[in-house]
Amino acid sequence: MSTIHSFEHKVIEVKPKLFRGSFLADLGDVLRREGQGGWELVNAVHSSPATPLLLFFKRPR
């Protein structure tokens, strides 16, 4: 018998900082914060340097 898992999902937008070198530090902060809240990163989409990075997370309900 299989178990059905239920998840909640969320998307976080990380805006590029064209004139600051802190983008990776900010990204690391977001990933740490969400991980501590039980969120698992399942995908990231970044279509160009001028567009926000979209982070897709899930966690069990």
PDB file of N, CA and C in Angstrom:
ATOM      1  N   MET A   1       0.844  -1.170   0.000  1.00  0.00           N
ATOM      2  CA  MET A   1       0.000   0.000   0.000  1.00  0.00           C
ATOM      3  C   MET A   1       0.896   1.242   0.000  1.00  0.00           C
ATOM      4  N   SER A   2       0.611   2.191  -0.858  1.00  0.00           N
ATOM      5  CA  SER A   2       1.433   3.397  -0.933  1.00  0.00           C
ATOM      6  C   SER A   2       0.842   4.505  -0.062  1.00  0.00           C
ATOM      7  N   THR A   3       1.727   5.355   0.403  1.00  0.00           N
ATOM      8  CA  THR A   3       1.325   6.493   1.221  1.00  0.00           C
ATOM      9  C   THR A   3       1.338   7.740   0.349  1.00  0.00           C
ATOM     10  N   ILE A   4       0.286   8.533   0.436  1.00  0.00           N
ATOM     11  CA  ILE A   4       0.236   9.782  -0.318  1.00  0.00           C
ATOM     12  C   ILE A   4       0.789  10.890   0.567  1.00  0.00           C
ATOM     13  N   HIS A   5       1.817  11.583   0.056  1.00  0.00           N
ATOM     14  CA  HIS A   5       2.421  12.681   0.793  1.00  0.00           C
ATOM     15  C   HIS A   5       1.821  13.987   0.312  1.00  0.00           C
ATOM     16  N   SER A   6       1.565  14.858   1.258  1.00  0.00           N
ATOM     17  CA  SER A   6       1.033  16.169   0.929  1.00  0.00           C
ATOM     18  C   SER A   6       2.093  17.221   1.241  1.00  0.00           C
ATOM     19  N   PHE A   7       2.296  18.142   0.314  1.00  0.00           N
ATOM     20  CA  PHE A   7       3.319  19.166   0.467  1.00  0.00           C
ATOM     21  C   PHE A   7       2.702  20.552   0.342  1.00  0.00           C
ATOM     22  N   GLU A   8       3.336  21.497   0.986  1.00  0.00           N
ATOM     23  CA  GLU A   8       3.027  22.892   0.696  1.00  0.00           C
ATOM     24  C   GLU A   8       4.205  23.434  -0.094  1.00  0.00           C
ATOM     25  N   HIS A   9       3.931  24.437  -0.914  1.00  0.00           N
ATOM     26  CA  HIS A   9       4.942  24.968  -1.825  1.00  0.00           C
ATOM     27  C   HIS A   9       5.028  26.474  -1.686  1.00  0.00           C
ATOM     28  N   LYS A  10       6.191  27.016  -2.028  1.00  0.00           N
ATOM     29  CA  LYS A  10       6.323  28.461  -2.098  1.00  0.00           C
ATOM     30  C   LYS A  10       7.437  28.825  -3.057  1.00  0.00           C
ATOM     31  N   VAL A  11       7.312  30.041  -3.587  1.00  0.00           N
ATOM     32  CA  VAL A  11       8.297  30.579  -4.525  1.00  0.00           C
ATOM     33  C   VAL A  11       8.840  31.870  -3.928  1.00  0.00           C
ATOM     34  N   ILE A  12      10.156  31.997  -3.938  1.00  0.00           N
ATOM     35  CA  ILE A  12      10.811  33.217  -3.455  1.00  0.00           C
ATOM     36  C   ILE A  12      11.567  33.837  -4.619  1.00  0.00           C
ATOM     37  N   GLU A  13      11.407  35.130  -4.762  1.00  0.00           N
ATOM     38  CA  GLU A  13      12.085  35.890  -5.815  1.00  0.00           C
ATOM     39  C   GLU A  13      13.287  36.591  -5.201  1.00  0.00           C
ATOM     40  N   VAL A  14      14.476  36.326  -5.744  1.00  0.00           N
ATOM     41  CA  VAL A  14      15.700  36.986  -5.279  1.00  0.00           C
ATOM     42  C   VAL A  14      16.121  37.945  -6.390  1.00  0.00           C
ATOM     43  N   LYS A  15      16.013  39.234  -6.108  1.00  0.00           N
ATOM     44  CA  LYS A  15      16.301  40.242  -7.127  1.00  0.00           C
ATOM     45  C   LYS A  15      17.803  40.424  -7.313  1.00  0.00           C
ATOM     46  N   PRO A  16      18.230  40.612  -8.562  1.00  0.00           N
ATOM     47  CA  PRO A  16      19.662  40.810  -8.825  1.00  0.00           C
ATOM     48  C   PRO A  16      20.136  42.151  -8.281  1.00  0.00           C
ATOM     49  N   LYS A  17      21.365  42.179  -7.881  1.00  0.00           N
ATOM     50  CA  LYS A  17      21.979  43.407  -7.391  1.00  0.00           C
ATOM     51  C   LYS A  17      23.150  43.694  -8.306  1.00  0.00           C
ATOM     52  N   LEU A  18      22.865  44.484  -9.328  1.00  0.00           N
ATOM     53  CA  LEU A  18      23.846  44.695 -10.390  1.00  0.00           C
ATOM     54  C   LEU A  18      25.095  45.430  -9.926  1.00  0.00           C
ATOM     55  N   PHE A  19      24.981  46.254  -8.897  1.00  0.00           N
ATOM     56  CA  PHE A  19      26.114  47.080  -8.481  1.00  0.00           C
ATOM     57  C   PHE A  19      26.673  46.672  -7.127  1.00  0.00           C
ATOM     58  N   ARG A  20      26.248  45.510  -6.636  1.00  0.00           N
ATOM     59  CA  ARG A  20      26.766  45.009  -5.359  1.00  0.00           C
ATOM     60  C   ARG A  20      27.221  43.573  -5.535  1.00  0.00           C
ATOM     61  N   GLY A  21      28.249  43.211  -4.826  1.00  0.00           N
ATOM     62  CA  GLY A  21      28.762  41.845  -4.902  1.00  0.00           C
ATOM     63  C   GLY A  21      28.126  40.926  -3.885  1.00  0.00           C
ATOM     64  N   SER A  22      27.011  41.349  -3.281  1.00  0.00           N
ATOM     65  CA  SER A  22      26.437  40.571  -2.183  1.00  0.00           C
ATOM     66  C   SER A  22      25.343  39.601  -2.633  1.00  0.00           C
ATOM     67  N   PHE A  23      25.137  39.441  -3.931  1.00  0.00           N
ATOM     68  CA  PHE A  23      24.065  38.563  -4.404  1.00  0.00           C
ATOM     69  C   PHE A  23      24.217  37.148  -3.867  1.00  0.00           C
ATOM     70  N   LEU A  24      25.412  36.579  -3.938  1.00  0.00           N
ATOM     71  CA  LEU A  24      25.614  35.199  -3.452  1.00  0.00           C
ATOM     72  C   LEU A  24      25.448  35.103  -1.948  1.00  0.00           C
ATOM     73  N   ALA A  25      25.881  36.143  -1.226  1.00  0.00           N
ATOM     74  CA  ALA A  25      25.688  36.147   0.226  1.00  0.00           C
ATOM     75  C   ALA A  25      24.200  36.197   0.550  1.00  0.00           C
ATOM     76  N   ASP A  26      23.450  37.034  -0.172  1.00  0.00           N
ATOM     77  CA  ASP A  26      22.001  37.117   0.043  1.00  0.00           C
ATOM     78  C   ASP A  26      21.331  35.788  -0.280  1.00  0.00           C
ATOM     79  N   LEU A  27      21.764  35.160  -1.359  1.00  0.00           N
ATOM     80  CA  LEU A  27      21.207  33.870  -1.752  1.00  0.00           C
ATOM     81  C   LEU A  27      21.482  32.820  -0.672  1.00  0.00           C
ATOM     82  N   GLY A  28      22.696  32.806  -0.152  1.00  0.00           N
ATOM     83  CA  GLY A  28      23.029  31.878   0.932  1.00  0.00           C
ATOM     84  C   GLY A  28      22.174  32.107   2.162  1.00  0.00           C
ATOM     85  N   ASP A  29      21.917  33.376   2.486  1.00  0.00           N
ATOM     86  CA  ASP A  29      21.054  33.696   3.629  1.00  0.00           C
ATOM     87  C   ASP A  29      19.639  33.164   3.420  1.00  0.00           C
ATOM     88  N   VAL A  30      19.099  33.351   2.215  1.00  0.00           N
ATOM     89  CA  VAL A  30      17.749  32.857   1.909  1.00  0.00           C
ATOM     90  C   VAL A  30      17.705  31.341   2.029  1.00  0.00           C
ATOM     91  N   LEU A  31      18.690  30.651   1.465  1.00  0.00           N
ATOM     92  CA  LEU A  31      18.691  29.185   1.506  1.00  0.00           C
ATOM     93  C   LEU A  31      18.816  28.660   2.935  1.00  0.00           C
ATOM     94  N   ARG A  32      19.663  29.288   3.743  1.00  0.00           N
ATOM     95  CA  ARG A  32      19.796  28.873   5.144  1.00  0.00           C
ATOM     96  C   ARG A  32      18.499  29.099   5.918  1.00  0.00           C
ATOM     97  N   ARG A  33      17.916  30.272   5.748  1.00  0.00           N
ATOM     98  CA  ARG A  33      16.681  30.612   6.471  1.00  0.00           C
ATOM     99  C   ARG A  33      15.560  29.637   6.107  1.00  0.00           C
ATOM    100  N   GLU A  34      15.390  29.380   4.825  1.00  0.00           N
ATOM    101  CA  GLU A  34      14.308  28.492   4.402  1.00  0.00           C
ATOM    102  C   GLU A  34      14.578  27.051   4.840  1.00  0.00           C
ATOM    103  N   GLY A  35      15.821  26.617   4.763  1.00  0.00           N
ATOM    104  CA  GLY A  35      16.175  25.271   5.218  1.00  0.00           C
ATOM    105  C   GLY A  35      15.891  25.072   6.699  1.00  0.00           C
ATOM    106  N   GLN A  36      16.178  26.084   7.498  1.00  0.00           N
ATOM    107  CA  GLN A  36      15.898  26.003   8.930  1.00  0.00           C
ATOM    108  C   GLN A  36      14.398  25.929   9.208  1.00  0.00           C
ATOM    109  N   GLY A  37      13.601  26.456   8.272  1.00  0.00           N
ATOM    110  CA  GLY A  37      12.150  26.390   8.408  1.00  0.00           C
ATOM    111  C   GLY A  37      11.558  25.109   7.847  1.00  0.00           C
ATOM    112  N   GLY A  38      12.419  24.190   7.413  1.00  0.00           N
ATOM    113  CA  GLY A  38      11.946  22.910   6.908  1.00  0.00           C
ATOM    114  C   GLY A  38      11.673  22.877   5.416  1.00  0.00           C
ATOM    115  N   TRP A  39      12.005  23.965   4.714  1.00  0.00           N
ATOM    116  CA  TRP A  39      11.774  24.031   3.269  1.00  0.00           C
ATOM    117  C   TRP A  39      12.928  23.394   2.505  1.00  0.00           C
ATOM    118  N   GLU A  40      12.586  22.647   1.467  1.00  0.00           N
ATOM    119  CA  GLU A  40      13.571  22.001   0.592  1.00  0.00           C
ATOM    120  C   GLU A  40      13.537  22.690  -0.776  1.00  0.00           C
ATOM    121  N   LEU A  41      14.691  23.129  -1.254  1.00  0.00           N
ATOM    122  CA  LEU A  41      14.782  23.724  -2.578  1.00  0.00           C
ATOM    123  C   LEU A  41      14.604  22.630  -3.622  1.00  0.00           C
ATOM    124  N   VAL A  42      13.633  22.813  -4.533  1.00  0.00           N
ATOM    125  CA  VAL A  42      13.400  21.798  -5.560  1.00  0.00           C
ATOM    126  C   VAL A  42      13.754  22.295  -6.958  1.00  0.00           C
ATOM    127  N   ASN A  43      13.832  23.618  -7.150  1.00  0.00           N
ATOM    128  CA  ASN A  43      14.206  24.134  -8.458  1.00  0.00           C
ATOM    129  C   ASN A  43      14.587  25.603  -8.327  1.00  0.00           C
ATOM    130  N   ALA A  44      15.395  26.072  -9.267  1.00  0.00           N
ATOM    131  CA  ALA A  44      15.756  27.485  -9.346  1.00  0.00           C
ATOM    132  C   ALA A  44      15.776  27.861 -10.823  1.00  0.00           C
ATOM    133  N   VAL A  45      15.198  29.024 -11.137  1.00  0.00           N
ATOM    134  CA  VAL A  45      15.133  29.486 -12.521  1.00  0.00           C
ATOM    135  C   VAL A  45      15.677  30.907 -12.581  1.00  0.00           C
ATOM    136  N   HIS A  46      16.651  31.093 -13.479  1.00  0.00           N
ATOM    137  CA  HIS A  46      17.258  32.418 -13.670  1.00  0.00           C
ATOM    138  C   HIS A  46      17.471  32.582 -15.165  1.00  0.00           C
ATOM    139  N   SER A  47      16.581  33.334 -15.817  1.00  0.00           N
ATOM    140  CA  SER A  47      16.619  33.398 -17.277  1.00  0.00           C
ATOM    141  C   SER A  47      17.622  34.397 -17.837  1.00  0.00           C
ATOM    142  N   SER A  48      17.965  35.430 -17.065  1.00  0.00           N
ATOM    143  CA  SER A  48      18.972  36.384 -17.521  1.00  0.00           C
ATOM    144  C   SER A  48      19.511  37.155 -16.324  1.00  0.00           C
ATOM    145  N   PRO A  49      20.665  37.800 -16.448  1.00  0.00           N
ATOM    146  CA  PRO A  49      21.240  38.533 -15.317  1.00  0.00           C
ATOM    147  C   PRO A  49      20.369  39.681 -14.806  1.00  0.00           C
ATOM    148  N   ALA A  50      19.493  40.194 -15.643  1.00  0.00           N
ATOM    149  CA  ALA A  50      18.662  41.331 -15.232  1.00  0.00           C
ATOM    150  C   ALA A  50      17.326  40.907 -14.619  1.00  0.00           C
ATOM    151  N   THR A  51      17.026  39.615 -14.624  1.00  0.00           N
ATOM    152  CA  THR A  51      15.750  39.148 -14.061  1.00  0.00           C
ATOM    153  C   THR A  51      15.984  38.500 -12.699  1.00  0.00           C
ATOM    154  N   PRO A  52      14.939  38.480 -11.859  1.00  0.00           N
ATOM    155  CA  PRO A  52      15.089  37.845 -10.543  1.00  0.00           C
ATOM    156  C   PRO A  52      15.322  36.340 -10.666  1.00  0.00           C
ATOM    157  N   LEU A  53      16.005  35.806  -9.686  1.00  0.00           N
ATOM    158  CA  LEU A  53      16.165  34.366  -9.541  1.00  0.00           C
ATOM    159  C   LEU A  53      14.931  33.860  -8.803  1.00  0.00           C
ATOM    160  N   LEU A  54      14.270  32.861  -9.354  1.00  0.00           N
ATOM    161  CA  LEU A  54      13.097  32.280  -8.708  1.00  0.00           C
ATOM    162  C   LEU A  54      13.503  30.973  -8.045  1.00  0.00           C
ATOM    163  N   LEU A  55      13.233  30.864  -6.757  1.00  0.00           N
ATOM    164  CA  LEU A  55      13.542  29.655  -5.985  1.00  0.00           C
ATOM    165  C   LEU A  55      12.246  28.966  -5.616  1.00  0.00           C
ATOM    166  N   PHE A  56      12.125  27.696  -5.953  1.00  0.00           N
ATOM    167  CA  PHE A  56      10.921  26.923  -5.689  1.00  0.00           C
ATOM    168  C   PHE A  56      11.207  25.947  -4.542  1.00  0.00           C
ATOM    169  N   PHE A  57      10.382  26.011  -3.501  1.00  0.00           N
ATOM    170  CA  PHE A  57      10.560  25.185  -2.307  1.00  0.00           C
ATOM    171  C   PHE A  57       9.324  24.353  -2.026  1.00  0.00           C
ATOM    172  N   LYS A  58       9.538  23.255  -1.297  1.00  0.00           N
ATOM    173  CA  LYS A  58       8.432  22.453  -0.786  1.00  0.00           C
ATOM    174  C   LYS A  58       8.788  21.947   0.608  1.00  0.00           C
ATOM    175  N   ARG A  59       7.745  21.604   1.368  1.00  0.00           N
ATOM    176  CA  ARG A  59       7.934  20.921   2.652  1.00  0.00           C
ATOM    177  C   ARG A  59       6.664  20.142   2.960  1.00  0.00           C
ATOM    178  N   PRO A  60       6.806  19.069   3.716  1.00  0.00           N
ATOM    179  CA  PRO A  60       5.618  18.278   4.049  1.00  0.00           C
ATOM    180  C   PRO A  60       4.645  19.101   4.891  1.00  0.00           C
ATOM    181  N   ARG A  61       3.371  18.820   4.700  1.00  0.00           N
ATOM    182  CA  ARG A  61       2.336  19.487   5.514  1.00  0.00           C
ATOM    183  C   ARG A  61       2.279  18.862   6.876  1.00  0.00           C
TER     184      ARG A  61
END
